[in-house]
Amino acid sequence: MSEIQFASYGDPEGSCGSFKIGEWESRYSKTVVEKACIGKQSCSINVTSSTFRLKKGGTNGQLAVQLSCGGSNPEDNRVQSLLA
């Protein structure tokens, strides 16, 4: 994976290509995903409020990620992940 185009843990809205931040999110969302995924063929993230450094209000968050795998056709390499 070569680029995290969007990452938000909280209540993100939309779908791949049109994600947007919802009413709340962790400000560490992109950093956590970059550390776990950049330069790897696959990655796994423990999707919890503590992983994303939230103390309150974020216990039922979702993680939305859009990334590029670095191939020659960006449309073929976009990946959407929305986890509860």
C-alpha atoms as a PDB file:
ATOM      1  CA  MET A   1       0.000   0.000   0.000  1.00  0.00           C
ATOM      2  CA  SER A   2       1.436   3.297  -1.025  1.00  0.00           C
ATOM      3  CA  GLU A   3      -0.957   6.079  -0.009  1.00  0.00           C
ATOM      4  CA  ILE A   4      -3.777   6.574   2.473  1.00  0.00           C
ATOM      5  CA  GLN A   5      -6.190   8.846   0.642  1.00  0.00           C
ATOM      6  CA  PHE A   6      -8.769   8.977   3.450  1.00  0.00           C
ATOM      7  CA  ALA A   7      -8.982   7.528   6.942  1.00  0.00           C
ATOM      8  CA  SER A   8     -11.500   8.371   9.627  1.00  0.00           C
ATOM      9  CA  TYR A   9     -12.391   6.560  12.833  1.00  0.00           C
ATOM     10  CA  GLY A  10     -15.631   7.957  14.188  1.00  0.00           C
ATOM     11  CA  ASP A  11     -18.839   8.266  12.205  1.00  0.00           C
ATOM     12  CA  PRO A  12     -17.580   8.721   8.628  1.00  0.00           C
ATOM     13  CA  GLU A  13     -20.052   9.156   5.791  1.00  0.00           C
ATOM     14  CA  GLY A  14     -20.086   8.244   2.119  1.00  0.00           C
ATOM     15  CA  SER A  15     -18.409   5.522   0.129  1.00  0.00           C
ATOM     16  CA  CYS A  16     -15.162   4.955  -1.710  1.00  0.00           C
ATOM     17  CA  GLY A  17     -14.281   8.046  -3.718  1.00  0.00           C
ATOM     18  CA  SER A  18     -16.590  10.293  -1.719  1.00  0.00           C
ATOM     19  CA  PHE A  19     -15.889   9.613   1.968  1.00  0.00           C
ATOM     20  CA  LYS A  20     -16.207  12.557   4.335  1.00  0.00           C
ATOM     21  CA  ILE A  21     -15.752  13.130   8.038  1.00  0.00           C
ATOM     22  CA  GLY A  22     -18.924  12.762  10.097  1.00  0.00           C
ATOM     23  CA  GLU A  23     -19.897  14.580  13.287  1.00  0.00           C
ATOM     24  CA  TRP A  24     -16.913  13.248  15.244  1.00  0.00           C
ATOM     25  CA  GLU A  25     -13.640  11.472  14.570  1.00  0.00           C
ATOM     26  CA  SER A  26     -10.282  10.692  16.076  1.00  0.00           C
ATOM     27  CA  ARG A  27      -7.636  13.157  14.967  1.00  0.00           C
ATOM     28  CA  TYR A  28      -5.205  10.208  14.914  1.00  0.00           C
ATOM     29  CA  SER A  29      -7.150   8.242  12.272  1.00  0.00           C
ATOM     30  CA  LYS A  30      -4.799   8.737   9.319  1.00  0.00           C
ATOM     31  CA  THR A  31      -1.637   8.369  11.427  1.00  0.00           C
ATOM     32  CA  VAL A  32      -2.769   5.017  12.867  1.00  0.00           C
ATOM     33  CA  VAL A  33      -3.673   3.653   9.425  1.00  0.00           C
ATOM     34  CA  GLU A  34      -0.442   4.920   7.820  1.00  0.00           C
ATOM     35  CA  LYS A  35       1.710   3.275  10.505  1.00  0.00           C
ATOM     36  CA  ALA A  36      -0.149  -0.021  10.111  1.00  0.00           C
ATOM     37  CA  CYS A  37      -0.407  -0.162   6.319  1.00  0.00           C
ATOM     38  CA  ILE A  38       2.049   1.953   4.295  1.00  0.00           C
ATOM     39  CA  GLY A  39       4.655  -0.169   2.534  1.00  0.00           C
ATOM     40  CA  LYS A  40       2.858  -3.467   3.250  1.00  0.00           C
ATOM     41  CA  GLN A  41       0.918  -5.867   1.041  1.00  0.00           C
ATOM     42  CA  SER A  42      -1.724  -6.301   3.743  1.00  0.00           C
ATOM     43  CA  CYS A  43      -2.447  -4.847   7.149  1.00  0.00           C
ATOM     44  CA  SER A  44      -4.694  -5.329  10.137  1.00  0.00           C
ATOM     45  CA  ILE A  45      -5.868  -2.722  12.627  1.00  0.00           C
ATOM     46  CA  ASN A  46      -7.558  -3.308  15.973  1.00  0.00           C
ATOM     47  CA  VAL A  47     -10.561  -1.010  15.496  1.00  0.00           C
ATOM     48  CA  THR A  48     -11.201   0.256  19.022  1.00  0.00           C
ATOM     49  CA  SER A  49     -11.471   3.654  20.653  1.00  0.00           C
ATOM     50  CA  SER A  50      -8.201   3.047  22.523  1.00  0.00           C
ATOM     51  CA  THR A  51      -6.324   2.312  19.269  1.00  0.00           C
ATOM     52  CA  PHE A  52      -7.442   5.713  18.001  1.00  0.00           C
ATOM     53  CA  ARG A  53      -6.803   7.431  21.381  1.00  0.00           C
ATOM     54  CA  LEU A  54     -10.381   8.348  22.226  1.00  0.00           C
ATOM     55  CA  LYS A  55     -11.242   8.685  25.898  1.00  0.00           C
ATOM     56  CA  LYS A  56     -15.010   9.092  25.597  1.00  0.00           C
ATOM     57  CA  GLY A  57     -17.795   9.326  23.068  1.00  0.00           C
ATOM     58  CA  GLY A  58     -16.147   7.088  20.520  1.00  0.00           C
ATOM     59  CA  THR A  59     -16.858   3.605  21.745  1.00  0.00           C
ATOM     60  CA  ASN A  60     -19.083   2.696  18.789  1.00  0.00           C
ATOM     61  CA  GLY A  61     -16.964   4.164  16.025  1.00  0.00           C
ATOM     62  CA  GLN A  62     -16.385   2.915  12.520  1.00  0.00           C
ATOM     63  CA  LEU A  63     -13.216   3.069  10.470  1.00  0.00           C
ATOM     64  CA  ALA A  64     -13.444   4.166   6.845  1.00  0.00           C
ATOM     65  CA  VAL A  65     -10.275   3.891   4.750  1.00  0.00           C
ATOM     66  CA  GLN A  66      -9.533   4.635   1.126  1.00  0.00           C
ATOM     67  CA  LEU A  67      -6.032   3.805  -0.060  1.00  0.00           C
ATOM     68  CA  SER A  68      -3.917   3.220  -3.109  1.00  0.00           C
ATOM     69  CA  CYS A  69      -1.965   0.041  -3.638  1.00  0.00           C
ATOM     70  CA  GLY A  70       0.482   1.771  -5.969  1.00  0.00           C
ATOM     71  CA  GLY A  71      -0.390   0.074  -9.267  1.00  0.00           C
ATOM     72  CA  SER A  72      -0.434   1.747 -12.668  1.00  0.00           C
ATOM     73  CA  ASN A  73      -4.227   2.282 -12.732  1.00  0.00           C
ATOM     74  CA  PRO A  74      -5.402   4.183  -9.617  1.00  0.00           C
ATOM     75  CA  GLU A  75      -9.052   3.194 -10.164  1.00  0.00           C
ATOM     76  CA  ASP A  76      -8.119  -0.494  -9.978  1.00  0.00           C
ATOM     77  CA  ASN A  77      -6.052   0.050  -6.855  1.00  0.00           C
ATOM     78  CA  ARG A  78      -8.498   1.968  -4.686  1.00  0.00           C
ATOM     79  CA  VAL A  79      -9.678  -0.057  -1.737  1.00  0.00           C
ATOM     80  CA  GLN A  80     -12.634   0.717   0.473  1.00  0.00           C
ATOM     81  CA  SER A  81     -12.886  -0.595   3.985  1.00  0.00           C
ATOM     82  CA  LEU A  82     -15.648   0.287   6.401  1.00  0.00           C
ATOM     83  CA  LEU A  83     -15.452  -1.629   9.655  1.00  0.00           C
ATOM     84  CA  ALA A  84     -17.743  -1.524  12.663  1.00  0.00           C
END
